[in-house]
Amino acid sequence: MKSSYFALAVLLASSIGARAECFGEYPYRVCTDSYTDSRGNTTVRSYDTMGNTYSVDTRVRDLPGGGTEVGSSDSEGNSYSIRSWSDSSGSHTVDSEGNRCTITPTGRMIGCGQ
């Protein structure tokens, strides 16, 4: 099963133009592969010769009223997202941890970790 999974990953990587790198020498080796689709969504996966794996998926989506949301989640259940948009009162960001930042048209920073 693992060899077919690895073959699928190699096939997927080559068909999408992904990058793959491996480090180390026998008996322990770590490999990482990544690919980005046409929308900017990215997947990074790391695996080693002992069967450990870890992955991070990042997705980009347009917000209905304008702006963008970038979110990421990993194979351990962690997630984070940040939304950004601009309007007449300035440029704004809000993240999934409740942090807010606005930069007004005059350059005044409101929030922004101050």
Protein backbone atom coordinates (compact mmCIF):
# COMPACT_ATOMS: atom_id res chain seq x y z
CA MET A 1 0.00 0.00 0.00
CA LYS A 2 2.77 2.48 0.88
CA SER A 3 4.55 1.87 -2.43
CA SER A 4 1.35 2.57 -4.39
CA TYR A 5 0.77 5.71 -2.32
CA PHE A 6 4.32 6.85 -3.06
CA ALA A 7 3.88 6.10 -6.77
CA LEU A 8 0.65 8.11 -6.81
CA ALA A 9 2.41 11.03 -5.10
CA VAL A 10 5.23 10.93 -7.65
CA LEU A 11 2.75 10.78 -10.53
CA LEU A 12 0.72 13.65 -9.09
CA ALA A 13 3.85 15.70 -8.49
CA SER A 14 5.12 15.22 -12.02
CA SER A 15 1.76 15.97 -13.62
CA ILE A 16 1.28 19.23 -11.72
CA GLY A 17 4.86 20.39 -11.89
CA ALA A 18 5.42 19.98 -8.18
CA ARG A 19 8.74 20.17 -6.46
CA ALA A 20 10.15 17.31 -4.40
CA GLU A 21 13.32 17.14 -2.33
CA CYS A 22 14.82 14.46 -0.12
CA PHE A 23 17.51 14.77 2.53
CA GLY A 24 19.56 12.31 4.52
CA GLU A 25 21.06 8.95 3.82
CA TYR A 26 20.13 5.38 4.54
CA PRO A 27 18.71 4.33 6.97
CA TYR A 28 16.95 7.66 7.66
CA ARG A 29 15.72 9.93 4.92
CA VAL A 30 13.13 12.76 4.86
CA CYS A 31 11.32 13.88 1.73
CA THR A 32 9.12 16.89 1.08
CA ASP A 33 6.95 17.52 -1.92
CA SER A 34 4.77 20.49 -2.74
CA TYR A 35 2.48 21.63 -5.48
CA THR A 36 0.40 24.69 -6.24
CA ASP A 37 -2.69 24.68 -8.39
CA SER A 38 -3.81 27.41 -10.79
CA ARG A 39 -5.77 29.23 -8.04
CA GLY A 40 -2.78 29.46 -5.74
CA ASN A 41 -3.84 26.65 -3.38
CA THR A 42 -0.74 24.86 -2.13
CA THR A 43 -0.13 21.49 -0.51
CA VAL A 44 3.15 20.63 1.20
CA ARG A 45 3.77 17.10 2.45
CA SER A 46 6.70 15.71 4.38
CA TYR A 47 7.41 12.04 5.03
CA ASP A 48 10.31 9.94 6.28
CA THR A 49 11.59 6.38 6.07
CA MET A 50 10.08 5.58 9.47
CA GLY A 51 6.52 6.15 8.23
CA ASN A 52 5.98 9.61 9.74
CA THR A 53 4.02 12.11 7.65
CA TYR A 54 2.98 15.73 8.01
CA SER A 55 1.11 17.95 5.57
CA VAL A 56 -0.08 21.55 5.26
CA ASP A 57 -2.78 22.71 2.86
CA THR A 58 -3.18 26.39 2.01
CA ARG A 59 -6.21 27.62 0.14
CA VAL A 60 -7.04 30.99 -1.39
CA ARG A 61 -10.58 32.18 -1.99
CA ASP A 62 -12.17 35.41 -3.14
CA LEU A 63 -14.61 36.99 -0.69
CA PRO A 64 -18.13 37.78 -1.96
CA GLY A 65 -17.84 41.54 -1.31
CA GLY A 66 -14.28 41.78 -2.57
CA GLY A 67 -10.99 40.89 -0.95
CA THR A 68 -9.32 37.59 -0.28
CA GLU A 69 -9.14 34.92 2.41
CA VAL A 70 -6.08 32.72 2.80
CA GLY A 71 -6.46 29.74 5.11
CA SER A 72 -4.22 26.88 6.06
CA SER A 73 -4.67 23.63 7.92
CA ASP A 74 -2.28 20.84 8.78
CA SER A 75 -2.50 17.12 9.33
CA GLU A 76 -2.43 17.63 13.12
CA GLY A 77 -5.69 19.60 13.15
CA ASN A 78 -4.23 23.11 13.39
CA SER A 79 -5.71 25.85 11.23
CA TYR A 80 -5.29 29.57 10.61
CA SER A 81 -6.88 32.05 8.23
CA ILE A 82 -6.58 35.71 7.36
CA ARG A 83 -9.02 37.86 5.40
CA SER A 84 -7.99 41.08 3.71
CA TRP A 85 -9.95 43.72 1.81
CA SER A 86 -9.99 47.42 1.04
CA ASP A 87 -12.80 49.95 1.13
CA SER A 88 -13.22 53.71 1.47
CA SER A 89 -12.04 53.62 5.11
CA GLY A 90 -8.76 51.83 4.31
CA SER A 91 -7.15 48.41 4.00
CA HIS A 92 -8.21 45.80 6.55
CA THR A 93 -7.09 42.39 7.78
CA VAL A 94 -8.76 40.06 10.27
CA ASP A 95 -7.33 36.68 11.24
CA SER A 96 -8.87 33.60 12.80
CA GLU A 97 -7.38 34.51 16.19
CA GLY A 98 -9.32 37.78 16.34
CA ASN A 99 -6.44 40.10 15.43
CA ARG A 100 -7.54 43.12 13.42
CA CYS A 101 -5.60 45.73 11.51
CA THR A 102 -6.73 48.74 9.50
CA ILE A 103 -4.53 51.17 7.63
CA THR A 104 -6.51 54.30 6.77
CA PRO A 105 -6.06 56.23 3.52
CA THR A 106 -3.96 58.77 5.47
CA GLY A 107 -1.62 55.99 6.68
CA ARG A 108 -2.90 55.75 10.25
CA MET A 109 -2.65 52.24 11.71
CA ILE A 110 -5.50 51.02 13.89
CA GLY A 111 -4.99 47.74 15.75
CA CYS A 112 -2.09 46.14 13.88
CA GLY A 113 -0.49 44.65 17.01
CA GLN A 114 0.06 48.00 18.68
